[in-house]
PDB file of N, CA and C in Angstrom:
ATOM      1  N   MET A   1       0.836  -1.185   0.000  1.00  0.00           N
ATOM      2  CA  MET A   1       0.000   0.000   0.000  1.00  0.00           C
ATOM      3  C   MET A   1       0.880   1.247   0.000  1.00  0.00           C
ATOM      4  N   GLU A   2       0.340   2.291  -0.588  1.00  0.00           N
ATOM      5  CA  GLU A   2       1.028   3.574  -0.590  1.00  0.00           C
ATOM      6  C   GLU A   2       0.025   4.673  -0.263  1.00  0.00           C
ATOM      7  N   MET A   3       0.523   5.813   0.212  1.00  0.00           N
ATOM      8  CA  MET A   3      -0.362   6.919   0.517  1.00  0.00           C
ATOM      9  C   MET A   3      -0.718   7.640  -0.774  1.00  0.00           C
ATOM     10  N   LEU A   4      -2.026   7.733  -1.025  1.00  0.00           N
ATOM     11  CA  LEU A   4      -2.517   8.359  -2.246  1.00  0.00           C
ATOM     12  C   LEU A   4      -3.464   9.505  -1.893  1.00  0.00           C
ATOM     13  N   LEU A   5      -3.461  10.531  -2.723  1.00  0.00           N
ATOM     14  CA  LEU A   5      -4.309  11.699  -2.559  1.00  0.00           C
ATOM     15  C   LEU A   5      -5.530  11.592  -3.460  1.00  0.00           C
ATOM     16  N   VAL A   6      -6.697  11.875  -2.875  1.00  0.00           N
ATOM     17  CA  VAL A   6      -7.935  11.943  -3.648  1.00  0.00           C
ATOM     18  C   VAL A   6      -8.561  13.307  -3.392  1.00  0.00           C
ATOM     19  N   LEU A   7      -8.905  13.997  -4.465  1.00  0.00           N
ATOM     20  CA  LEU A   7      -9.579  15.288  -4.369  1.00  0.00           C
ATOM     21  C   LEU A   7     -11.058  15.102  -4.659  1.00  0.00           C
ATOM     22  N   GLY A   8     -11.889  15.764  -3.892  1.00  0.00           N
ATOM     23  CA  GLY A   8     -13.320  15.666  -4.105  1.00  0.00           C
ATOM     24  C   GLY A   8     -14.030  16.856  -3.500  1.00  0.00           C
ATOM     25  N   SER A   9     -15.343  16.854  -3.624  1.00  0.00           N
ATOM     26  CA  SER A   9     -16.158  17.935  -3.081  1.00  0.00           C
ATOM     27  C   SER A   9     -17.454  17.376  -2.532  1.00  0.00           C
ATOM     28  N   ILE A  10     -17.990  18.113  -1.594  1.00  0.00           N
ATOM     29  CA  ILE A  10     -19.354  17.883  -1.130  1.00  0.00           C
ATOM     30  C   ILE A  10     -20.082  19.185  -1.432  1.00  0.00           C
ATOM     31  N   THR A  11     -21.206  19.091  -2.143  1.00  0.00           N
ATOM     32  CA  THR A  11     -21.911  20.298  -2.560  1.00  0.00           C
ATOM     33  C   THR A  11     -23.340  20.307  -2.038  1.00  0.00           C
ATOM     34  N   ALA A  12     -23.828  21.508  -1.794  1.00  0.00           N
ATOM     35  CA  ALA A  12     -25.204  21.690  -1.345  1.00  0.00           C
ATOM     36  C   ALA A  12     -26.132  21.766  -2.552  1.00  0.00           C
ATOM     37  N   ALA A  13     -27.379  21.375  -2.330  1.00  0.00           N
ATOM     38  CA  ALA A  13     -28.363  21.458  -3.400  1.00  0.00           C
ATOM     39  C   ALA A  13     -28.561  22.909  -3.835  1.00  0.00           C
ATOM     40  N   SER A  14     -28.507  23.834  -2.884  1.00  0.00           N
ATOM     41  CA  SER A  14     -28.657  25.246  -3.185  1.00  0.00           C
ATOM     42  C   SER A  14     -27.778  26.049  -2.237  1.00  0.00           C
ATOM     43  N   THR A  15     -26.833  26.810  -2.767  1.00  0.00           N
ATOM     44  CA  THR A  15     -25.928  27.573  -1.905  1.00  0.00           C
ATOM     45  C   THR A  15     -26.668  28.626  -1.109  1.00  0.00           C
ATOM     46  N   ALA A  16     -27.789  29.093  -1.607  1.00  0.00           N
ATOM     47  CA  ALA A  16     -28.546  30.112  -0.889  1.00  0.00           C
ATOM     48  C   ALA A  16     -29.128  29.555   0.417  1.00  0.00           C
ATOM     49  N   GLU A  17     -29.355  28.251   0.469  1.00  0.00           N
ATOM     50  CA  GLU A  17     -29.969  27.631   1.639  1.00  0.00           C
ATOM     51  C   GLU A  17     -28.954  27.056   2.611  1.00  0.00           C
ATOM     52  N   ARG A  18     -27.695  27.028   2.241  1.00  0.00           N
ATOM     53  CA  ARG A  18     -26.690  26.345   3.057  1.00  0.00           C
ATOM     54  C   ARG A  18     -25.678  27.318   3.634  1.00  0.00           C
ATOM     55  N   PRO A  19     -25.459  27.243   4.937  1.00  0.00           N
ATOM     56  CA  PRO A  19     -24.449  28.110   5.544  1.00  0.00           C
ATOM     57  C   PRO A  19     -23.040  27.616   5.233  1.00  0.00           C
ATOM     58  N   ARG A  20     -22.099  28.484   5.429  1.00  0.00           N
ATOM     59  CA  ARG A  20     -20.690  28.104   5.298  1.00  0.00           C
ATOM     60  C   ARG A  20     -20.312  27.236   6.497  1.00  0.00           C
ATOM     61  N   LEU A  21     -19.722  26.088   6.235  1.00  0.00           N
ATOM     62  CA  LEU A  21     -19.262  25.202   7.300  1.00  0.00           C
ATOM     63  C   LEU A  21     -17.771  25.407   7.508  1.00  0.00           C
ATOM     64  N   GLU A  22     -17.350  25.429   8.734  1.00  0.00           N
ATOM     65  CA  GLU A  22     -15.931  25.633   9.043  1.00  0.00           C
ATOM     66  C   GLU A  22     -15.107  24.406   8.640  1.00  0.00           C
ATOM     67  N   PRO A  23     -13.915  24.610   8.062  1.00  0.00           N
ATOM     68  CA  PRO A  23     -13.068  23.486   7.663  1.00  0.00           C
ATOM     69  C   PRO A  23     -12.760  22.527   8.815  1.00  0.00           C
ATOM     70  N   ALA A  24     -12.500  23.058  10.004  1.00  0.00           N
ATOM     71  CA  ALA A  24     -12.160  22.189  11.142  1.00  0.00           C
ATOM     72  C   ALA A  24     -13.323  21.269  11.512  1.00  0.00           C
ATOM     73  N   VAL A  25     -14.536  21.769  11.383  1.00  0.00           N
ATOM     74  CA  VAL A  25     -15.716  20.948  11.686  1.00  0.00           C
ATOM     75  C   VAL A  25     -15.821  19.799  10.691  1.00  0.00           C
ATOM     76  N   MET A  26     -15.627  20.096   9.419  1.00  0.00           N
ATOM     77  CA  MET A  26     -15.710  19.047   8.399  1.00  0.00           C
ATOM     78  C   MET A  26     -14.564  18.049   8.533  1.00  0.00           C
ATOM     79  N   THR A  27     -13.389  18.546   8.846  1.00  0.00           N
ATOM     80  CA  THR A  27     -12.250  17.654   9.061  1.00  0.00           C
ATOM     81  C   THR A  27     -12.545  16.693  10.201  1.00  0.00           C
ATOM     82  N   ASP A  28     -13.047  17.216  11.316  1.00  0.00           N
ATOM     83  CA  ASP A  28     -13.403  16.372  12.458  1.00  0.00           C
ATOM     84  C   ASP A  28     -14.484  15.361  12.089  1.00  0.00           C
ATOM     85  N   LEU A  29     -15.448  15.798  11.295  1.00  0.00           N
ATOM     86  CA  LEU A  29     -16.522  14.898  10.883  1.00  0.00           C
ATOM     87  C   LEU A  29     -15.977  13.731  10.056  1.00  0.00           C
ATOM     88  N   LEU A  30     -15.088  14.021   9.117  1.00  0.00           N
ATOM     89  CA  LEU A  30     -14.507  12.937   8.305  1.00  0.00           C
ATOM     90  C   LEU A  30     -13.714  11.962   9.173  1.00  0.00           C
ATOM     91  N   TRP A  31     -12.942  12.488  10.120  1.00  0.00           N
ATOM     92  CA  TRP A  31     -12.203  11.596  11.019  1.00  0.00           C
ATOM     93  C   TRP A  31     -13.159  10.772  11.872  1.00  0.00           C
ATOM     94  N   SER A  32     -14.283  11.357  12.281  1.00  0.00           N
ATOM     95  CA  SER A  32     -15.205  10.630  13.159  1.00  0.00           C
ATOM     96  C   SER A  32     -15.914   9.479  12.458  1.00  0.00           C
ATOM     97  N   VAL A  33     -16.077   9.555  11.136  1.00  0.00           N
ATOM     98  CA  VAL A  33     -16.746   8.468  10.414  1.00  0.00           C
ATOM     99  C   VAL A  33     -15.763   7.455   9.831  1.00  0.00           C
ATOM    100  N   ALA A  34     -14.473   7.738   9.925  1.00  0.00           N
ATOM    101  CA  ALA A  34     -13.456   6.816   9.395  1.00  0.00           C
ATOM    102  C   ALA A  34     -13.323   5.590  10.294  1.00  0.00           C
ATOM    103  N   THR A  35     -13.054   4.465   9.660  1.00  0.00           N
ATOM    104  CA  THR A  35     -12.781   3.229  10.387  1.00  0.00           C
ATOM    105  C   THR A  35     -11.319   2.840  10.141  1.00  0.00           C
ATOM    106  N   ALA A  36     -10.842   1.908  10.922  1.00  0.00           N
ATOM    107  CA  ALA A  36      -9.446   1.468  10.766  1.00  0.00           C
ATOM    108  C   ALA A  36      -9.188   0.923   9.363  1.00  0.00           C
ATOM    109  N   THR A  37     -10.181   0.283   8.761  1.00  0.00           N
ATOM    110  CA  THR A  37      -9.990  -0.302   7.431  1.00  0.00           C
ATOM    111  C   THR A  37      -9.946   0.749   6.322  1.00  0.00           C
ATOM    112  N   ASP A  38     -10.327   1.993   6.627  1.00  0.00           N
ATOM    113  CA  ASP A  38     -10.228   3.068   5.630  1.00  0.00           C
ATOM    114  C   ASP A  38      -8.786   3.524   5.425  1.00  0.00           C
ATOM    115  N   HIS A  39      -7.934   3.296   6.403  1.00  0.00           N
ATOM    116  CA  HIS A  39      -6.520   3.701   6.332  1.00  0.00           C
ATOM    117  C   HIS A  39      -6.379   5.193   6.025  1.00  0.00           C
ATOM    118  N   LEU A  40      -7.227   5.996   6.676  1.00  0.00           N
ATOM    119  CA  LEU A  40      -7.165   7.441   6.503  1.00  0.00           C
ATOM    120  C   LEU A  40      -5.900   7.978   7.155  1.00  0.00           C
ATOM    121  N   GLU A  41      -5.160   8.806   6.429  1.00  0.00           N
ATOM    122  CA  GLU A  41      -3.901   9.363   6.919  1.00  0.00           C
ATOM    123  C   GLU A  41      -3.987  10.861   7.194  1.00  0.00           C
ATOM    124  N   HIS A  42      -4.543  11.616   6.247  1.00  0.00           N
ATOM    125  CA  HIS A  42      -4.625  13.070   6.380  1.00  0.00           C
ATOM    126  C   HIS A  42      -5.891  13.559   5.693  1.00  0.00           C
ATOM    127  N   VAL A  43      -6.410  14.673   6.201  1.00  0.00           N
ATOM    128  CA  VAL A  43      -7.572  15.321   5.579  1.00  0.00           C
ATOM    129  C   VAL A  43      -7.323  16.816   5.551  1.00  0.00           C
ATOM    130  N   TYR A  44      -7.615  17.448   4.422  1.00  0.00           N
ATOM    131  CA  TYR A  44      -7.577  18.904   4.318  1.00  0.00           C
ATOM    132  C   TYR A  44      -8.904  19.335   3.705  1.00  0.00           C
ATOM    133  N   VAL A  45      -9.521  20.342   4.316  1.00  0.00           N
ATOM    134  CA  VAL A  45     -10.806  20.840   3.829  1.00  0.00           C
ATOM    135  C   VAL A  45     -10.725  22.354   3.649  1.00  0.00           C
ATOM    136  N   SER A  46     -11.215  22.825   2.522  1.00  0.00           N
ATOM    137  CA  SER A  46     -11.426  24.261   2.332  1.00  0.00           C
ATOM    138  C   SER A  46     -12.912  24.434   2.016  1.00  0.00           C
ATOM    139  N   THR A  47     -13.461  25.561   2.425  1.00  0.00           N
ATOM    140  CA  THR A  47     -14.897  25.744   2.279  1.00  0.00           C
ATOM    141  C   THR A  47     -15.244  27.081   1.659  1.00  0.00           C
ATOM    142  N   SER A  48     -16.407  27.097   1.065  1.00  0.00           N
ATOM    143  CA  SER A  48     -17.071  28.320   0.629  1.00  0.00           C
ATOM    144  C   SER A  48     -18.564  28.006   0.734  1.00  0.00           C
ATOM    145  N   PRO A  49     -19.445  29.003   0.685  1.00  0.00           N
ATOM    146  CA  PRO A  49     -20.867  28.698   0.838  1.00  0.00           C
ATOM    147  C   PRO A  49     -21.337  27.642  -0.170  1.00  0.00           C
ATOM    148  N   GLY A  50     -21.845  26.556   0.341  1.00  0.00           N
ATOM    149  CA  GLY A  50     -22.388  25.510  -0.517  1.00  0.00           C
ATOM    150  C   GLY A  50     -21.394  24.524  -1.078  1.00  0.00           C
ATOM    151  N   VAL A  51     -20.101  24.674  -0.777  1.00  0.00           N
ATOM    152  CA  VAL A  51     -19.081  23.760  -1.315  1.00  0.00           C
ATOM    153  C   VAL A  51     -18.037  23.449  -0.243  1.00  0.00           C
ATOM    154  N   LEU A  52     -17.741  22.161  -0.109  1.00  0.00           N
ATOM    155  CA  LEU A  52     -16.643  21.701   0.744  1.00  0.00           C
ATOM    156  C   LEU A  52     -15.650  21.005  -0.172  1.00  0.00           C
ATOM    157  N   ASN A  53     -14.457  21.559  -0.316  1.00  0.00           N
ATOM    158  CA  ASN A  53     -13.414  20.942  -1.144  1.00  0.00           C
ATOM    159  C   ASN A  53     -12.548  20.073  -0.251  1.00  0.00           C
ATOM    160  N   LEU A  54     -12.360  18.831  -0.650  1.00  0.00           N
ATOM    161  CA  LEU A  54     -11.667  17.848   0.173  1.00  0.00           C
ATOM    162  C   LEU A  54     -10.379  17.362  -0.477  1.00  0.00           C
ATOM    163  N   ALA A  55      -9.356  17.212   0.332  1.00  0.00           N
ATOM    164  CA  ALA A  55      -8.124  16.519  -0.053  1.00  0.00           C
ATOM    165  C   ALA A  55      -7.958  15.424   0.987  1.00  0.00           C
ATOM    166  N   ILE A  56      -8.122  14.182   0.550  1.00  0.00           N
ATOM    167  CA  ILE A  56      -8.104  13.031   1.455  1.00  0.00           C
ATOM    168  C   ILE A  56      -6.936  12.131   1.074  1.00  0.00           C
ATOM    169  N   TYR A  57      -6.071  11.890   2.042  1.00  0.00           N
ATOM    170  CA  TYR A  57      -4.942  10.981   1.842  1.00  0.00           C
ATOM    171  C   TYR A  57      -5.243   9.662   2.537  1.00  0.00           C
ATOM    172  N   VAL A  58      -5.182   8.569   1.786  1.00  0.00           N
ATOM    173  CA  VAL A  58      -5.407   7.240   2.350  1.00  0.00           C
ATOM    174  C   VAL A  58      -4.296   6.295   1.908  1.00  0.00           C
ATOM    175  N   LEU A  59      -4.051   5.281   2.722  1.00  0.00           N
ATOM    176  CA  LEU A  59      -3.171   4.197   2.308  1.00  0.00           C
ATOM    177  C   LEU A  59      -4.000   3.229   1.489  1.00  0.00           C
ATOM    178  N   ALA A  60      -3.582   2.985   0.256  1.00  0.00           N
ATOM    179  CA  ALA A  60      -4.358   2.108  -0.625  1.00  0.00           C
ATOM    180  C   ALA A  60      -3.419   1.397  -1.589  1.00  0.00           C
ATOM    181  N   GLY A  61      -3.929   0.314  -2.154  1.00  0.00           N
ATOM    182  CA  GLY A  61      -3.152  -0.469  -3.092  1.00  0.00           C
ATOM    183  C   GLY A  61      -3.206   0.049  -4.513  1.00  0.00           C
ATOM    184  N   SER A  62      -4.172   0.938  -4.800  1.00  0.00           N
ATOM    185  CA  SER A  62      -4.313   1.479  -6.158  1.00  0.00           C
ATOM    186  C   SER A  62      -5.090   2.790  -6.088  1.00  0.00           C
ATOM    187  N   PRO A  63      -4.982   3.610  -7.130  1.00  0.00           N
ATOM    188  CA  PRO A  63      -5.772   4.838  -7.168  1.00  0.00           C
ATOM    189  C   PRO A  63      -7.282   4.560  -7.097  1.00  0.00           C
ATOM    190  N   GLU A  64      -7.736   3.511  -7.741  1.00  0.00           N
ATOM    191  CA  GLU A  64      -9.161   3.162  -7.709  1.00  0.00           C
ATOM    192  C   GLU A  64      -9.613   2.839  -6.280  1.00  0.00           C
ATOM    193  N   GLU A  65      -8.813   2.075  -5.566  1.00  0.00           N
ATOM    194  CA  GLU A  65      -9.136   1.759  -4.175  1.00  0.00           C
ATOM    195  C   GLU A  65      -9.174   3.035  -3.333  1.00  0.00           C
ATOM    196  N   ALA A  66      -8.234   3.929  -3.541  1.00  0.00           N
ATOM    197  CA  ALA A  66      -8.203   5.194  -2.798  1.00  0.00           C
ATOM    198  C   ALA A  66      -9.454   6.023  -3.088  1.00  0.00           C
ATOM    199  N   ARG A  67      -9.876   6.071  -4.352  1.00  0.00           N
ATOM    200  CA  ARG A  67     -11.099   6.804  -4.711  1.00  0.00           C
ATOM    201  C   ARG A  67     -12.320   6.183  -4.047  1.00  0.00           C
ATOM    202  N   ASN A  68     -12.387   4.857  -4.031  1.00  0.00           N
ATOM    203  CA  ASN A  68     -13.528   4.178  -3.415  1.00  0.00           C
ATOM    204  C   ASN A  68     -13.600   4.435  -1.916  1.00  0.00           C
ATOM    205  N   VAL A  69     -12.477   4.373  -1.240  1.00  0.00           N
ATOM    206  CA  VAL A  69     -12.434   4.635   0.201  1.00  0.00           C
ATOM    207  C   VAL A  69     -12.858   6.076   0.477  1.00  0.00           C
ATOM    208  N   SER A  70     -12.331   7.010  -0.295  1.00  0.00           N
ATOM    209  CA  SER A  70     -12.667   8.422  -0.102  1.00  0.00           C
ATOM    210  C   SER A  70     -14.153   8.675  -0.347  1.00  0.00           C
ATOM    211  N   ARG A  71     -14.691   8.030  -1.346  1.00  0.00           N
ATOM    212  CA  ARG A  71     -16.128   8.174  -1.645  1.00  0.00           C
ATOM    213  C   ARG A  71     -16.976   7.652  -0.487  1.00  0.00           C
ATOM    214  N   ARG A  72     -16.600   6.500   0.053  1.00  0.00           N
ATOM    215  CA  ARG A  72     -17.346   5.938   1.187  1.00  0.00           C
ATOM    216  C   ARG A  72     -17.273   6.860   2.403  1.00  0.00           C
ATOM    217  N   LEU A  73     -16.104   7.424   2.664  1.00  0.00           N
ATOM    218  CA  LEU A  73     -15.959   8.377   3.771  1.00  0.00           C
ATOM    219  C   LEU A  73     -16.888   9.574   3.572  1.00  0.00           C
ATOM    220  N   CYS A  74     -16.871  10.126   2.395  1.00  0.00           N
ATOM    221  CA  CYS A  74     -17.707  11.267   2.068  1.00  0.00           C
ATOM    222  C   CYS A  74     -19.186  10.927   2.264  1.00  0.00           C
ATOM    223  N   GLU A  75     -19.608   9.787   1.741  1.00  0.00           N
ATOM    224  CA  GLU A  75     -21.017   9.387   1.845  1.00  0.00           C
ATOM    225  C   GLU A  75     -21.418   9.150   3.300  1.00  0.00           C
ATOM    226  N   ARG A  76     -20.530   8.538   4.086  1.00  0.00           N
ATOM    227  CA  ARG A  76     -20.817   8.347   5.518  1.00  0.00           C
ATOM    228  C   ARG A  76     -20.986   9.682   6.221  1.00  0.00           C
ATOM    229  N   ALA A  77     -20.107  10.634   5.920  1.00  0.00           N
ATOM    230  CA  ALA A  77     -20.183  11.950   6.553  1.00  0.00           C
ATOM    231  C   ALA A  77     -21.509  12.634   6.230  1.00  0.00           C
ATOM    232  N   VAL A  78     -21.930  12.573   4.975  1.00  0.00           N
ATOM    233  CA  VAL A  78     -23.188  13.197   4.570  1.00  0.00           C
ATOM    234  C   VAL A  78     -24.370  12.524   5.264  1.00  0.00           C
ATOM    235  N   LYS A  79     -24.366  11.209   5.341  1.00  0.00           N
ATOM    236  CA  LYS A  79     -25.469  10.473   5.962  1.00  0.00           C
ATOM    237  C   LYS A  79     -25.564  10.691   7.463  1.00  0.00           C
ATOM    238  N   GLN A  80     -24.424  10.849   8.118  1.00  0.00           N
ATOM    239  CA  GLN A  80     -24.417  10.901   9.577  1.00  0.00           C
ATOM    240  C   GLN A  80     -24.479  12.306  10.153  1.00  0.00           C
ATOM    241  N   SER A  81     -24.363  13.332   9.336  1.00  0.00           N
ATOM    242  CA  SER A  81     -24.332  14.688   9.859  1.00  0.00           C
ATOM    243  C   SER A  81     -25.593  15.466   9.459  1.00  0.00           C
ATOM    244  N   PRO A  82     -26.388  15.876  10.443  1.00  0.00           N
ATOM    245  CA  PRO A  82     -27.556  16.704  10.128  1.00  0.00           C
ATOM    246  C   PRO A  82     -27.165  18.010   9.414  1.00  0.00           C
ATOM    247  N   ALA A  83     -25.993  18.542   9.689  1.00  0.00           N
ATOM    248  CA  ALA A  83     -25.543  19.774   9.039  1.00  0.00           C
ATOM    249  C   ALA A  83     -25.351  19.591   7.538  1.00  0.00           C
ATOM    250  N   LEU A  84     -25.194  18.351   7.069  1.00  0.00           N
ATOM    251  CA  LEU A  84     -24.980  18.068   5.652  1.00  0.00           C
ATOM    252  C   LEU A  84     -26.239  17.510   4.968  1.00  0.00           C
ATOM    253  N   SER A  85     -27.368  17.613   5.623  1.00  0.00           N
ATOM    254  CA  SER A  85     -28.621  17.166   5.025  1.00  0.00           C
ATOM    255  C   SER A  85     -28.851  17.948   3.722  1.00  0.00           C
ATOM    256  N   GLY A  86     -29.084  17.244   2.637  1.00  0.00           N
ATOM    257  CA  GLY A  86     -29.262  17.896   1.346  1.00  0.00           C
ATOM    258  C   GLY A  86     -27.981  18.111   0.563  1.00  0.00           C
ATOM    259  N   TRP A  87     -26.842  17.719   1.133  1.00  0.00           N
ATOM    260  CA  TRP A  87     -25.551  17.837   0.441  1.00  0.00           C
ATOM    261  C   TRP A  87     -25.253  16.519  -0.267  1.00  0.00           C
ATOM    262  N   SER A  88     -24.362  16.542  -1.244  1.00  0.00           N
ATOM    263  CA  SER A  88     -23.985  15.302  -1.935  1.00  0.00           C
ATOM    264  C   SER A  88     -22.501  15.308  -2.299  1.00  0.00           C
ATOM    265  N   CYS A  89     -21.961  14.120  -2.390  1.00  0.00           N
ATOM    266  CA  CYS A  89     -20.538  13.937  -2.741  1.00  0.00           C
ATOM    267  C   CYS A  89     -20.381  14.017  -4.249  1.00  0.00           C
ATOM    268  N   VAL A  90     -19.328  14.712  -4.667  1.00  0.00           N
ATOM    269  CA  VAL A  90     -19.044  14.857  -6.103  1.00  0.00           C
ATOM    270  C   VAL A  90     -17.657  14.327  -6.371  1.00  0.00           C
TER     271      VAL A  90
END
């Protein structure tokens, strides 16, 4: 396995309806939904109204595996956080 970077976003259905979320809150949320099998190493989040830009580093055997792990993390965060109701992973 090697540490791989995956870039992604979580977007709101409508930016007018969604407040700006603090990067530290989103970073904590991603760490809280991670499991040992995700092999999460680092998370960086930047935000603007209606958009969360993610840089997720995971230990994985291939870029495809890293993308799949990152997608699952993103989807778990959206499902488990009331603050992300109506948001989706891109």
